[in-house]
Each structure stands twice: as structure tokens, then as C-alpha cells.
PDB file of N, CA and C in Angstrom:
ATOM      1  N   UNK A   1      19.233   2.478   1.679  1.00  0.00           N
ATOM      2  CA  UNK A   1      18.884   2.184   3.222  1.00  0.00           C
ATOM      3  C   UNK A   1      19.984   1.866   3.890  1.00  0.00           C
ATOM      4  N   UNK A   2      20.104   2.549   5.247  1.00  0.00           N
ATOM      5  CA  UNK A   2      20.996   2.193   6.122  1.00  0.00           C
ATOM      6  C   UNK A   2      20.920   0.886   6.853  1.00  0.00           C
ATOM      7  N   UNK A   3      21.924   0.196   7.105  1.00  0.00           N
ATOM      8  CA  UNK A   3      21.972  -1.091   7.806  1.00  0.00           C
ATOM      9  C   UNK A   3      21.081  -0.961   9.062  1.00  0.00           C
ATOM     10  N   UNK A   4      20.189  -1.977   9.309  1.00  0.00           N
ATOM     11  CA  UNK A   4      19.405  -1.735  10.490  1.00  0.00           C
ATOM     12  C   UNK A   4      18.139  -0.968  10.400  1.00  0.00           C
ATOM     13  N   UNK A   5      17.988  -0.337   9.204  1.00  0.00           N
ATOM     14  CA  UNK A   5      16.789   0.498   9.026  1.00  0.00           C
ATOM     15  C   UNK A   5      15.533  -0.383   8.797  1.00  0.00           C
ATOM     16  N   UNK A   6      14.322  -0.048   9.632  1.00  0.00           N
ATOM     17  CA  UNK A   6      13.248  -0.965   9.236  1.00  0.00           C
ATOM     18  C   UNK A   6      12.694  -0.663   7.784  1.00  0.00           C
ATOM     19  N   UNK A   7      12.132  -1.826   7.168  1.00  0.00           N
ATOM     20  CA  UNK A   7      11.693  -1.711   5.779  1.00  0.00           C
ATOM     21  C   UNK A   7      10.409  -2.544   5.699  1.00  0.00           C
ATOM     22  N   UNK A   8       9.615  -2.194   4.681  1.00  0.00           N
ATOM     23  CA  UNK A   8       8.554  -3.065   4.371  1.00  0.00           C
ATOM     24  C   UNK A   8       8.816  -3.682   2.976  1.00  0.00           C
ATOM     25  N   UNK A   9       8.575  -5.065   3.003  1.00  0.00           N
ATOM     26  CA  UNK A   9       8.862  -5.798   1.693  1.00  0.00           C
ATOM     27  C   UNK A   9       7.363  -6.274   1.467  1.00  0.00           C
ATOM     28  N   UNK A  10       6.720  -5.525   0.594  1.00  0.00           N
ATOM     29  CA  UNK A  10       5.224  -5.792   0.274  1.00  0.00           C
ATOM     30  C   UNK A  10       4.871  -7.132  -0.110  1.00  0.00           C
ATOM     31  N   UNK A  11       5.708  -7.772  -0.905  1.00  0.00           N
ATOM     32  CA  UNK A  11       5.488  -9.149  -1.405  1.00  0.00           C
ATOM     33  C   UNK A  11       5.596 -10.160  -0.218  1.00  0.00           C
ATOM     34  N   UNK A  12       6.315  -9.830   0.678  1.00  0.00           N
ATOM     35  CA  UNK A  12       6.380 -10.828   1.767  1.00  0.00           C
ATOM     36  C   UNK A  12       5.514 -10.654   2.951  1.00  0.00           C
ATOM     37  N   UNK A  13       5.596  -9.336   3.394  1.00  0.00           N
ATOM     38  CA  UNK A  13       4.738  -8.971   4.751  1.00  0.00           C
ATOM     39  C   UNK A  13       4.407  -7.390   4.593  1.00  0.00           C
ATOM     40  N   UNK A  14       3.266  -7.052   4.231  1.00  0.00           N
ATOM     41  CA  UNK A  14       3.035  -5.539   4.138  1.00  0.00           C
ATOM     42  C   UNK A  14       2.739  -5.087   5.571  1.00  0.00           C
ATOM     43  N   UNK A  15       2.797  -3.666   5.606  1.00  0.00           N
ATOM     44  CA  UNK A  15       2.353  -3.145   6.990  1.00  0.00           C
ATOM     45  C   UNK A  15       0.663  -3.023   6.817  1.00  0.00           C
ATOM     46  N   UNK A  16       0.052  -3.507   7.938  1.00  0.00           N
ATOM     47  CA  UNK A  16      -1.327  -3.355   8.052  1.00  0.00           C
ATOM     48  C   UNK A  16      -1.803  -2.118   8.821  1.00  0.00           C
ATOM     49  N   UNK A  17      -1.015  -1.246   9.074  1.00  0.00           N
ATOM     50  CA  UNK A  17      -1.527  -0.136   9.790  1.00  0.00           C
ATOM     51  C   UNK A  17      -2.329  -0.455  10.804  1.00  0.00           C
ATOM     52  N   UNK A  18      -1.908  -1.296  11.774  1.00  0.00           N
ATOM     53  CA  UNK A  18      -2.750  -1.776  12.948  1.00  0.00           C
ATOM     54  C   UNK A  18      -3.187  -0.522  13.694  1.00  0.00           C
ATOM     55  N   UNK A  19      -4.162  -0.869  14.361  1.00  0.00           N
ATOM     56  CA  UNK A  19      -4.929   0.239  15.248  1.00  0.00           C
ATOM     57  C   UNK A  19      -4.020   0.720  16.384  1.00  0.00           C
ATOM     58  N   UNK A  20      -3.417  -0.136  16.871  1.00  0.00           N
ATOM     59  CA  UNK A  20      -2.382   0.216  18.018  1.00  0.00           C
ATOM     60  C   UNK A  20      -0.782   0.242  17.679  1.00  0.00           C
ATOM     61  N   UNK A  21      -0.445   0.211  16.388  1.00  0.00           N
ATOM     62  CA  UNK A  21       0.861   0.435  15.983  1.00  0.00           C
ATOM     63  C   UNK A  21       1.797  -0.429  16.871  1.00  0.00           C
ATOM     64  N   UNK A  22       1.661  -1.676  16.979  1.00  0.00           N
ATOM     65  CA  UNK A  22       2.420  -2.706  17.794  1.00  0.00           C
ATOM     66  C   UNK A  22       3.905  -2.607  17.486  1.00  0.00           C
ATOM     67  N   UNK A  23       4.292  -2.466  16.214  1.00  0.00           N
ATOM     68  CA  UNK A  23       5.630  -2.414  15.973  1.00  0.00           C
ATOM     69  C   UNK A  23       6.424  -1.272  16.329  1.00  0.00           C
ATOM     70  N   UNK A  24       5.573  -0.032  16.491  1.00  0.00           N
ATOM     71  CA  UNK A  24       6.193   1.273  16.982  1.00  0.00           C
ATOM     72  C   UNK A  24       6.412   1.023  18.587  1.00  0.00           C
ATOM     73  N   UNK A  25       5.543   0.532  19.132  1.00  0.00           N
ATOM     74  CA  UNK A  25       5.546   0.231  20.592  1.00  0.00           C
ATOM     75  C   UNK A  25       6.599  -0.937  20.951  1.00  0.00           C
ATOM     76  N   UNK A  26       6.768  -1.818  20.141  1.00  0.00           N
ATOM     77  CA  UNK A  26       7.820  -2.814  20.422  1.00  0.00           C
ATOM     78  C   UNK A  26       9.162  -2.335  19.999  1.00  0.00           C
ATOM     79  N   UNK A  27       9.418  -1.370  19.272  1.00  0.00           N
ATOM     80  CA  UNK A  27      10.790  -0.841  18.968  1.00  0.00           C
ATOM     81  C   UNK A  27      11.542  -0.199  20.126  1.00  0.00           C
ATOM     82  N   UNK A  28      12.494  -0.892  20.575  1.00  0.00           N
ATOM     83  CA  UNK A  28      13.234  -0.408  21.811  1.00  0.00           C
ATOM     84  C   UNK A  28      14.101   0.680  21.483  1.00  0.00           C
ATOM     85  N   UNK A  29      14.589   0.739  20.080  1.00  0.00           N
ATOM     86  CA  UNK A  29      15.682   1.755  19.722  1.00  0.00           C
ATOM     87  C   UNK A  29      14.873   3.064  19.456  1.00  0.00           C
ATOM     88  N   UNK A  30      13.618   3.153  19.358  1.00  0.00           N
ATOM     89  CA  UNK A  30      12.705   4.127  19.079  1.00  0.00           C
ATOM     90  C   UNK A  30      12.934   4.980  17.643  1.00  0.00           C
ATOM     91  N   UNK A  31      13.222   3.865  16.773  1.00  0.00           N
ATOM     92  CA  UNK A  31      13.367   4.234  15.378  1.00  0.00           C
ATOM     93  C   UNK A  31      12.213   4.461  14.696  1.00  0.00           C
ATOM     94  N   UNK A  32      10.979   4.101  15.198  1.00  0.00           N
ATOM     95  CA  UNK A  32       9.861   4.298  14.583  1.00  0.00           C
ATOM     96  C   UNK A  32       9.034   5.351  15.467  1.00  0.00           C
ATOM     97  N   UNK A  33       8.408   6.333  14.793  1.00  0.00           N
ATOM     98  CA  UNK A  33       7.803   7.341  15.562  1.00  0.00           C
ATOM     99  C   UNK A  33       6.270   7.258  15.344  1.00  0.00           C
ATOM    100  N   UNK A  34       5.530   7.402  16.520  1.00  0.00           N
ATOM    101  CA  UNK A  34       4.032   7.314  16.516  1.00  0.00           C
ATOM    102  C   UNK A  34       3.445   8.463  15.762  1.00  0.00           C
ATOM    103  N   UNK A  35       2.761   8.278  14.832  1.00  0.00           N
ATOM    104  CA  UNK A  35       2.081   9.452  14.188  1.00  0.00           C
ATOM    105  C   UNK A  35       0.450   8.925  14.039  1.00  0.00           C
ATOM    106  N   UNK A  36      -0.339   9.728  13.476  1.00  0.00           N
ATOM    107  CA  UNK A  36      -1.755   9.449  13.241  1.00  0.00           C
ATOM    108  C   UNK A  36      -1.576   8.329  11.950  1.00  0.00           C
ATOM    109  N   UNK A  37      -2.697   7.505  11.883  1.00  0.00           N
ATOM    110  CA  UNK A  37      -2.843   6.474  10.678  1.00  0.00           C
ATOM    111  C   UNK A  37      -2.669   7.160   9.352  1.00  0.00           C
ATOM    112  N   UNK A  38      -3.449   8.309   9.185  1.00  0.00           N
ATOM    113  CA  UNK A  38      -3.505   9.017   8.004  1.00  0.00           C
ATOM    114  C   UNK A  38      -2.283   9.915   7.646  1.00  0.00           C
ATOM    115  N   UNK A  39      -1.250   9.887   8.553  1.00  0.00           N
ATOM    116  CA  UNK A  39      -0.111  10.614   8.363  1.00  0.00           C
ATOM    117  C   UNK A  39       1.153   9.687   8.146  1.00  0.00           C
ATOM    118  N   UNK A  40       0.945   8.368   8.223  1.00  0.00           N
ATOM    119  CA  UNK A  40       2.012   7.390   7.873  1.00  0.00           C
ATOM    120  C   UNK A  40       2.498   7.575   6.483  1.00  0.00           C
ATOM    121  N   UNK A  41       3.768   7.744   6.231  1.00  0.00           N
ATOM    122  CA  UNK A  41       4.304   7.811   4.884  1.00  0.00           C
ATOM    123  C   UNK A  41       5.692   7.111   4.985  1.00  0.00           C
ATOM    124  N   UNK A  42       5.515   5.879   4.329  1.00  0.00           N
ATOM    125  CA  UNK A  42       6.773   5.159   4.181  1.00  0.00           C
ATOM    126  C   UNK A  42       7.238   4.758   2.726  1.00  0.00           C
ATOM    127  N   UNK A  43       6.134   5.113   1.906  1.00  0.00           N
ATOM    128  CA  UNK A  43       6.466   4.803   0.301  1.00  0.00           C
ATOM    129  C   UNK A  43       5.096   5.427  -0.524  1.00  0.00           C
ATOM    130  N   UNK A  44       5.101   5.045  -1.529  1.00  0.00           N
ATOM    131  CA  UNK A  44       3.973   5.515  -2.355  1.00  0.00           C
ATOM    132  C   UNK A  44       3.668   4.299  -3.425  1.00  0.00           C
ATOM    133  N   UNK A  45       2.393   4.006  -3.604  1.00  0.00           N
ATOM    134  CA  UNK A  45       1.984   3.020  -4.420  1.00  0.00           C
ATOM    135  C   UNK A  45       1.968   3.532  -5.863  1.00  0.00           C
ATOM    136  N   UNK A  46       2.445   2.930  -6.870  1.00  0.00           N
ATOM    137  CA  UNK A  46       2.471   3.295  -8.368  1.00  0.00           C
ATOM    138  C   UNK A  46       1.646   2.290  -9.086  1.00  0.00           C
ATOM    139  N   UNK A  47       0.721   2.626  -9.739  1.00  0.00           N
ATOM    140  CA  UNK A  47      -0.331   1.765 -10.498  1.00  0.00           C
ATOM    141  C   UNK A  47       0.252   1.697 -12.117  1.00  0.00           C
ATOM    142  N   UNK A  48       0.356   0.515 -12.548  1.00  0.00           N
ATOM    143  CA  UNK A  48       0.630   0.379 -13.985  1.00  0.00           C
ATOM    144  C   UNK A  48      -0.798  -0.093 -14.485  1.00  0.00           C
ATOM    145  N   UNK A  49      -1.362   0.668 -15.266  1.00  0.00           N
ATOM    146  CA  UNK A  49      -2.676   0.309 -15.756  1.00  0.00           C
ATOM    147  C   UNK A  49      -2.817  -0.857 -16.840  1.00  0.00           C
ATOM    148  N   UNK A  50      -1.446  -0.983 -17.519  1.00  0.00           N
ATOM    149  CA  UNK A  50      -1.553  -1.912 -18.410  1.00  0.00           C
ATOM    150  C   UNK A  50      -1.516  -3.396 -17.751  1.00  0.00           C
ATOM    151  N   UNK A  51      -1.020  -3.492 -16.528  1.00  0.00           N
ATOM    152  CA  UNK A  51      -0.991  -4.727 -15.860  1.00  0.00           C
ATOM    153  C   UNK A  51      -2.179  -5.128 -14.887  1.00  0.00           C
ATOM    154  N   UNK A  52      -2.889  -3.830 -14.771  1.00  0.00           N
ATOM    155  CA  UNK A  52      -4.141  -4.069 -13.822  1.00  0.00           C
ATOM    156  C   UNK A  52      -5.374  -4.829 -14.434  1.00  0.00           C
ATOM    157  N   UNK A  53      -5.789  -5.770 -13.863  1.00  0.00           N
ATOM    158  CA  UNK A  53      -6.877  -6.563 -14.305  1.00  0.00           C
ATOM    159  C   UNK A  53      -7.998  -5.782 -14.709  1.00  0.00           C
ATOM    160  N   UNK A  54      -8.419  -4.896 -13.915  1.00  0.00           N
ATOM    161  CA  UNK A  54      -9.622  -3.990 -14.067  1.00  0.00           C
ATOM    162  C   UNK A  54      -9.547  -2.988 -15.350  1.00  0.00           C
ATOM    163  N   UNK A  55      -8.315  -2.216 -15.151  1.00  0.00           N
ATOM    164  CA  UNK A  55      -7.950  -1.352 -16.278  1.00  0.00           C
ATOM    165  C   UNK A  55      -7.992  -1.967 -17.718  1.00  0.00           C
ATOM    166  N   UNK A  56      -7.219  -3.227 -17.647  1.00  0.00           N
ATOM    167  CA  UNK A  56      -7.018  -4.025 -18.999  1.00  0.00           C
ATOM    168  C   UNK A  56      -8.173  -4.715 -19.427  1.00  0.00           C
ATOM    169  N   UNK A  57      -9.277  -4.764 -18.676  1.00  0.00           N
ATOM    170  CA  UNK A  57     -10.495  -5.367 -19.103  1.00  0.00           C
ATOM    171  C   UNK A  57     -10.447  -6.963 -18.932  1.00  0.00           C
ATOM    172  N   UNK A  58      -9.431  -7.335 -18.236  1.00  0.00           N
ATOM    173  CA  UNK A  58      -9.415  -8.927 -17.799  1.00  0.00           C
ATOM    174  C   UNK A  58     -10.182  -9.297 -16.713  1.00  0.00           C
ATOM    175  N   UNK A  59     -10.620  -8.393 -15.824  1.00  0.00           N
ATOM    176  CA  UNK A  59     -11.601  -8.672 -14.831  1.00  0.00           C
ATOM    177  C   UNK A  59     -12.178  -7.415 -14.331  1.00  0.00           C
ATOM    178  N   UNK A  60     -13.397  -7.133 -14.932  1.00  0.00           N
ATOM    179  CA  UNK A  60     -14.006  -5.867 -14.649  1.00  0.00           C
ATOM    180  C   UNK A  60     -14.543  -5.724 -13.133  1.00  0.00           C
ATOM    181  N   UNK A  61     -14.370  -6.735 -12.285  1.00  0.00           N
ATOM    182  CA  UNK A  61     -15.031  -6.697 -11.112  1.00  0.00           C
ATOM    183  C   UNK A  61     -13.671  -6.677  -9.965  1.00  0.00           C
ATOM    184  N   UNK A  62     -12.454  -6.832 -10.409  1.00  0.00           N
ATOM    185  CA  UNK A  62     -11.403  -6.899  -9.727  1.00  0.00           C
ATOM    186  C   UNK A  62     -11.341  -5.666  -8.757  1.00  0.00           C
ATOM    187  N   UNK A  63     -11.219  -5.587  -7.519  1.00  0.00           N
ATOM    188  CA  UNK A  63     -11.023  -4.456  -6.614  1.00  0.00           C
ATOM    189  C   UNK A  63     -10.187  -4.828  -5.382  1.00  0.00           C
ATOM    190  N   UNK A  64      -9.395  -5.767  -5.463  1.00  0.00           N
ATOM    191  CA  UNK A  64      -8.598  -6.170  -4.307  1.00  0.00           C
ATOM    192  C   UNK A  64      -7.815  -5.140  -3.707  1.00  0.00           C
ATOM    193  N   UNK A  65      -7.072  -4.235  -4.608  1.00  0.00           N
ATOM    194  CA  UNK A  65      -6.384  -3.105  -3.917  1.00  0.00           C
ATOM    195  C   UNK A  65      -7.192  -2.126  -3.196  1.00  0.00           C
ATOM    196  N   UNK A  66      -8.378  -1.763  -3.857  1.00  0.00           N
ATOM    197  CA  UNK A  66      -9.345  -0.811  -3.112  1.00  0.00           C
ATOM    198  C   UNK A  66      -9.863  -1.439  -1.953  1.00  0.00           C
ATOM    199  N   UNK A  67     -10.421  -2.783  -2.058  1.00  0.00           N
ATOM    200  CA  UNK A  67     -11.099  -3.308  -0.956  1.00  0.00           C
ATOM    201  C   UNK A  67     -10.315  -3.411   0.294  1.00  0.00           C
ATOM    202  N   UNK A  68      -9.021  -3.714   0.217  1.00  0.00           N
ATOM    203  CA  UNK A  68      -8.110  -3.980   1.183  1.00  0.00           C
ATOM    204  C   UNK A  68      -7.377  -2.878   1.737  1.00  0.00           C
ATOM    205  N   UNK A  69      -7.363  -1.737   1.062  1.00  0.00           N
ATOM    206  CA  UNK A  69      -6.522  -0.622   1.535  1.00  0.00           C
ATOM    207  C   UNK A  69      -6.987  -0.222   2.960  1.00  0.00           C
ATOM    208  N   UNK A  70      -6.086  -0.040   3.880  1.00  0.00           N
ATOM    209  CA  UNK A  70      -6.636   0.403   5.171  1.00  0.00           C
ATOM    210  C   UNK A  70      -7.041   1.898   5.319  1.00  0.00           C
ATOM    211  N   UNK A  71      -6.681   2.654   4.188  1.00  0.00           N
ATOM    212  CA  UNK A  71      -7.113   4.113   4.257  1.00  0.00           C
ATOM    213  C   UNK A  71      -8.320   4.134   3.318  1.00  0.00           C
ATOM    214  N   UNK A  72      -9.322   3.421   3.675  1.00  0.00           N
ATOM    215  CA  UNK A  72     -10.538   3.358   2.843  1.00  0.00           C
ATOM    216  C   UNK A  72     -10.898   4.613   2.068  1.00  0.00           C
ATOM    217  N   UNK A  73     -11.080   4.452   0.769  1.00  0.00           N
ATOM    218  CA  UNK A  73     -11.685   5.500   0.111  1.00  0.00           C
ATOM    219  C   UNK A  73     -10.836   6.820  -0.148  1.00  0.00           C
ATOM    220  N   UNK A  74      -9.671   6.787   0.444  1.00  0.00           N
ATOM    221  CA  UNK A  74      -8.838   7.985   0.428  1.00  0.00           C
ATOM    222  C   UNK A  74      -7.588   7.746  -0.344  1.00  0.00           C
ATOM    223  N   UNK A  75      -6.935   6.722  -0.020  1.00  0.00           N
ATOM    224  CA  UNK A  75      -5.509   6.527  -0.681  1.00  0.00           C
ATOM    225  C   UNK A  75      -5.856   5.902  -2.111  1.00  0.00           C
ATOM    226  N   UNK A  76      -6.861   4.894  -2.356  1.00  0.00           N
ATOM    227  CA  UNK A  76      -7.277   4.332  -3.385  1.00  0.00           C
ATOM    228  C   UNK A  76      -8.643   4.747  -3.735  1.00  0.00           C
ATOM    229  N   UNK A  77      -8.905   5.376  -4.967  1.00  0.00           N
ATOM    230  CA  UNK A  77     -10.388   5.527  -5.242  1.00  0.00           C
ATOM    231  C   UNK A  77     -10.669   4.629  -6.375  1.00  0.00           C
ATOM    232  N   UNK A  78     -11.937   4.212  -6.550  1.00  0.00           N
ATOM    233  CA  UNK A  78     -12.321   3.349  -7.593  1.00  0.00           C
ATOM    234  C   UNK A  78     -13.391   4.112  -8.456  1.00  0.00           C
ATOM    235  N   UNK A  79     -13.202   3.969  -9.786  1.00  0.00           N
ATOM    236  CA  UNK A  79     -14.178   4.607 -10.612  1.00  0.00           C
ATOM    237  C   UNK A  79     -14.493   3.360 -11.626  1.00  0.00           C
ATOM    238  N   UNK A  80     -15.385   3.678 -12.549  1.00  0.00           N
ATOM    239  CA  UNK A  80     -15.728   2.605 -13.412  1.00  0.00           C
ATOM    240  C   UNK A  80     -14.650   2.014 -14.417  1.00  0.00           C
ATOM    241  N   UNK A  81     -13.617   2.778 -14.695  1.00  0.00           N
ATOM    242  CA  UNK A  81     -12.420   2.260 -15.293  1.00  0.00           C
ATOM    243  C   UNK A  81     -11.565   1.355 -14.585  1.00  0.00           C
ATOM    244  N   UNK A  82     -11.360   1.778 -13.268  1.00  0.00           N
ATOM    245  CA  UNK A  82     -10.461   1.036 -12.482  1.00  0.00           C
ATOM    246  C   UNK A  82      -9.955   1.982 -11.238  1.00  0.00           C
ATOM    247  N   UNK A  83      -8.903   1.422 -10.603  1.00  0.00           N
ATOM    248  CA  UNK A  83      -8.489   2.109  -9.366  1.00  0.00           C
ATOM    249  C   UNK A  83      -7.509   3.319  -9.770  1.00  0.00           C
ATOM    250  N   UNK A  84      -7.642   4.180  -8.917  1.00  0.00           N
ATOM    251  CA  UNK A  84      -6.626   5.382  -8.939  1.00  0.00           C
ATOM    252  C   UNK A  84      -6.034   5.598  -7.574  1.00  0.00           C
ATOM    253  N   UNK A  85      -4.651   5.888  -7.563  1.00  0.00           N
ATOM    254  CA  UNK A  85      -4.208   6.029  -6.258  1.00  0.00           C
ATOM    255  C   UNK A  85      -3.622   7.431  -6.090  1.00  0.00           C
ATOM    256  N   UNK A  86      -4.053   7.944  -4.756  1.00  0.00           N
ATOM    257  CA  UNK A  86      -3.705   9.351  -4.444  1.00  0.00           C
ATOM    258  C   UNK A  86      -2.390   9.415  -3.749  1.00  0.00           C
ATOM    259  N   UNK A  87      -1.300   9.747  -4.669  1.00  0.00           N
ATOM    260  CA  UNK A  87       0.128   9.767  -4.019  1.00  0.00           C
ATOM    261  C   UNK A  87       0.343  10.621  -2.686  1.00  0.00           C
ATOM    262  N   UNK A  88      -0.603  11.630  -2.680  1.00  0.00           N
ATOM    263  CA  UNK A  88      -0.617  12.459  -1.389  1.00  0.00           C
ATOM    264  C   UNK A  88      -1.134  11.771  -0.172  1.00  0.00           C
ATOM    265  N   UNK A  89      -2.082  10.849  -0.269  1.00  0.00           N
ATOM    266  CA  UNK A  89      -2.561   9.989   0.691  1.00  0.00           C
ATOM    267  C   UNK A  89      -2.117   8.669   1.011  1.00  0.00           C
ATOM    268  N   UNK A  90      -1.603   8.040   0.053  1.00  0.00           N
ATOM    269  CA  UNK A  90      -1.046   6.861   0.068  1.00  0.00           C
ATOM    270  C   UNK A  90      -0.029   6.596   1.127  1.00  0.00           C
ATOM    271  N   UNK A  91       0.110   5.752   2.098  1.00  0.00           N
ATOM    272  CA  UNK A  91       1.002   5.477   3.219  1.00  0.00           C
ATOM    273  C   UNK A  91       2.080   4.816   2.729  1.00  0.00           C
ATOM    274  N   UNK A  92       1.895   3.955   1.734  1.00  0.00           N
ATOM    275  CA  UNK A  92       3.046   3.035   1.079  1.00  0.00           C
ATOM    276  C   UNK A  92       3.119   1.665   2.100  1.00  0.00           C
ATOM    277  N   UNK A  93       1.958   1.263   2.440  1.00  0.00           N
ATOM    278  CA  UNK A  93       1.940   0.214   3.461  1.00  0.00           C
ATOM    279  C   UNK A  93       2.166  -1.134   2.601  1.00  0.00           C
ATOM    280  N   UNK A  94       1.994  -1.191   1.293  1.00  0.00           N
ATOM    281  CA  UNK A  94       2.183  -2.288   0.541  1.00  0.00           C
ATOM    282  C   UNK A  94       1.010  -3.341   0.481  1.00  0.00           C
ATOM    283  N   UNK A  95      -0.094  -3.159   1.085  1.00  0.00           N
ATOM    284  CA  UNK A  95      -1.136  -4.107   1.023  1.00  0.00           C
ATOM    285  C   UNK A  95      -1.730  -4.266  -0.453  1.00  0.00           C
ATOM    286  N   UNK A  96      -1.729  -3.053  -1.071  1.00  0.00           N
ATOM    287  CA  UNK A  96      -2.260  -3.341  -2.332  1.00  0.00           C
ATOM    288  C   UNK A  96      -1.432  -4.099  -3.229  1.00  0.00           C
ATOM    289  N   UNK A  97      -0.134  -3.911  -3.143  1.00  0.00           N
ATOM    290  CA  UNK A  97       0.989  -4.754  -4.011  1.00  0.00           C
ATOM    291  C   UNK A  97       0.720  -6.206  -3.616  1.00  0.00           C
ATOM    292  N   UNK A  98       0.568  -6.502  -2.217  1.00  0.00           N
ATOM    293  CA  UNK A  98       0.518  -7.722  -1.659  1.00  0.00           C
ATOM    294  C   UNK A  98      -0.643  -8.746  -2.254  1.00  0.00           C
ATOM    295  N   UNK A  99      -1.767  -7.912  -2.288  1.00  0.00           N
ATOM    296  CA  UNK A  99      -3.081  -8.578  -2.674  1.00  0.00           C
ATOM    297  C   UNK A  99      -3.263  -8.550  -4.155  1.00  0.00           C
ATOM    298  N   UNK A 100      -2.524  -7.770  -5.032  1.00  0.00           N
ATOM    299  CA  UNK A 100      -2.792  -7.604  -6.407  1.00  0.00           C
ATOM    300  C   UNK A 100      -2.489  -9.003  -7.150  1.00  0.00           C
ATOM    301  N   UNK A 101      -3.555  -9.526  -7.867  1.00  0.00           N
ATOM    302  CA  UNK A 101      -3.385 -10.647  -8.572  1.00  0.00           C
ATOM    303  C   UNK A 101      -2.813 -10.815  -9.863  1.00  0.00           C
ATOM    304  N   UNK A 102      -2.287  -9.571 -10.195  1.00  0.00           N
ATOM    305  CA  UNK A 102      -1.870  -9.759 -11.827  1.00  0.00           C
ATOM    306  C   UNK A 102      -0.253 -10.184 -11.677  1.00  0.00           C
ATOM    307  N   UNK A 103       0.220 -10.582 -12.813  1.00  0.00           N
ATOM    308  CA  UNK A 103       1.690 -11.063 -12.812  1.00  0.00           C
ATOM    309  C   UNK A 103       2.085 -10.565 -14.170  1.00  0.00           C
ATOM    310  N   UNK A 104       2.919  -9.581 -14.205  1.00  0.00           N
ATOM    311  CA  UNK A 104       3.545  -8.909 -13.087  1.00  0.00           C
ATOM    312  C   UNK A 104       2.498  -7.971 -12.280  1.00  0.00           C
ATOM    313  N   UNK A 105       2.809  -7.592 -11.058  1.00  0.00           N
ATOM    314  CA  UNK A 105       2.008  -6.778 -10.248  1.00  0.00           C
ATOM    315  C   UNK A 105       1.683  -5.456 -11.047  1.00  0.00           C
ATOM    316  N   UNK A 106       0.341  -5.081 -10.877  1.00  0.00           N
ATOM    317  CA  UNK A 106       0.107  -3.815 -11.440  1.00  0.00           C
ATOM    318  C   UNK A 106       0.364  -2.696 -10.457  1.00  0.00           C
ATOM    319  N   UNK A 107       0.512  -3.095  -9.186  1.00  0.00           N
ATOM    320  CA  UNK A 107       0.838  -2.094  -8.114  1.00  0.00           C
ATOM    321  C   UNK A 107       2.126  -2.424  -7.523  1.00  0.00           C
ATOM    322  N   UNK A 108       2.955  -1.384  -7.445  1.00  0.00           N
ATOM    323  CA  UNK A 108       4.350  -1.542  -6.889  1.00  0.00           C
ATOM    324  C   UNK A 108       4.545  -0.330  -5.997  1.00  0.00           C
ATOM    325  N   UNK A 109       5.026  -0.696  -4.692  1.00  0.00           N
ATOM    326  CA  UNK A 109       5.198   0.416  -3.717  1.00  0.00           C
ATOM    327  C   UNK A 109       6.640   0.914  -3.848  1.00  0.00           C
ATOM    328  N   UNK A 110       6.965   2.093  -4.106  1.00  0.00           N
ATOM    329  CA  UNK A 110       8.227   2.634  -4.146  1.00  0.00           C
ATOM    330  C   UNK A 110       8.511   3.203  -2.734  1.00  0.00           C
ATOM    331  N   UNK A 111       9.560   2.938  -2.042  1.00  0.00           N
ATOM    332  CA  UNK A 111       9.738   3.449  -0.813  1.00  0.00           C
ATOM    333  C   UNK A 111      10.286   4.901  -0.786  1.00  0.00           C
ATOM    334  N   UNK A 112       9.989   5.714   0.221  1.00  0.00           N
ATOM    335  CA  UNK A 112      10.420   7.193   0.109  1.00  0.00           C
ATOM    336  C   UNK A 112      11.867   7.284   0.646  1.00  0.00           C
TER     337      UNK A 112
END
């Protein structure tokens, strides 16, 4: 990454994909470009099923990543086994990594 480039550090503060994208409006250097919410791409979430509480059977009701994903039902889908991430629809916002209760995290966001 270039010095001064905006980044998201999911374990500290994920991007919440706010309705009015206040960060884009506040950026005086215009380094951030306005796009539709479903077109945001800053990274992609990678799921490690071995660490996932639901996939590993440690908590069959765990749905933190699915429940808190701002792209409801598109970027993360949930079946009986556990969550699946659609890497074509994932914005890379980091909320899933931020809320994941496993240690180590079952979901890690890789920046683009």
C-alpha cells in the first residue's frame, strides 16, 4: 500500500457501508470514489471452516457474520452447515471478521 492510502483494519474498525458514505464525502483529496453500495470492493472475506464455530460444530447457532453483513443475503449466505462467502459480491468491509467470535478468526479479509 502507498503511504497515505486509505485502509480498513477489520479487527480495529471495519467499514459499515453507511447509507450516505460519510467517509467519501469527508475526503478532501477525493481519494475515495462514490459508488453504489453493492459495487464497493475493497477486499474479500476468506472463510476457514476449521475455525468457524458453526462449521466445526462448536456452536450450531452461530450466525454473527451472516447476521451483521451489510449486504444481507448476498455476500454471505447461510445453509445448514454454515456460512458461505460469495467472493464476487463481498465488499471486503471487514464486519464479518470484526464480529467473528472464534480465535483465531474464522473469517479474514484480504485487501484487493
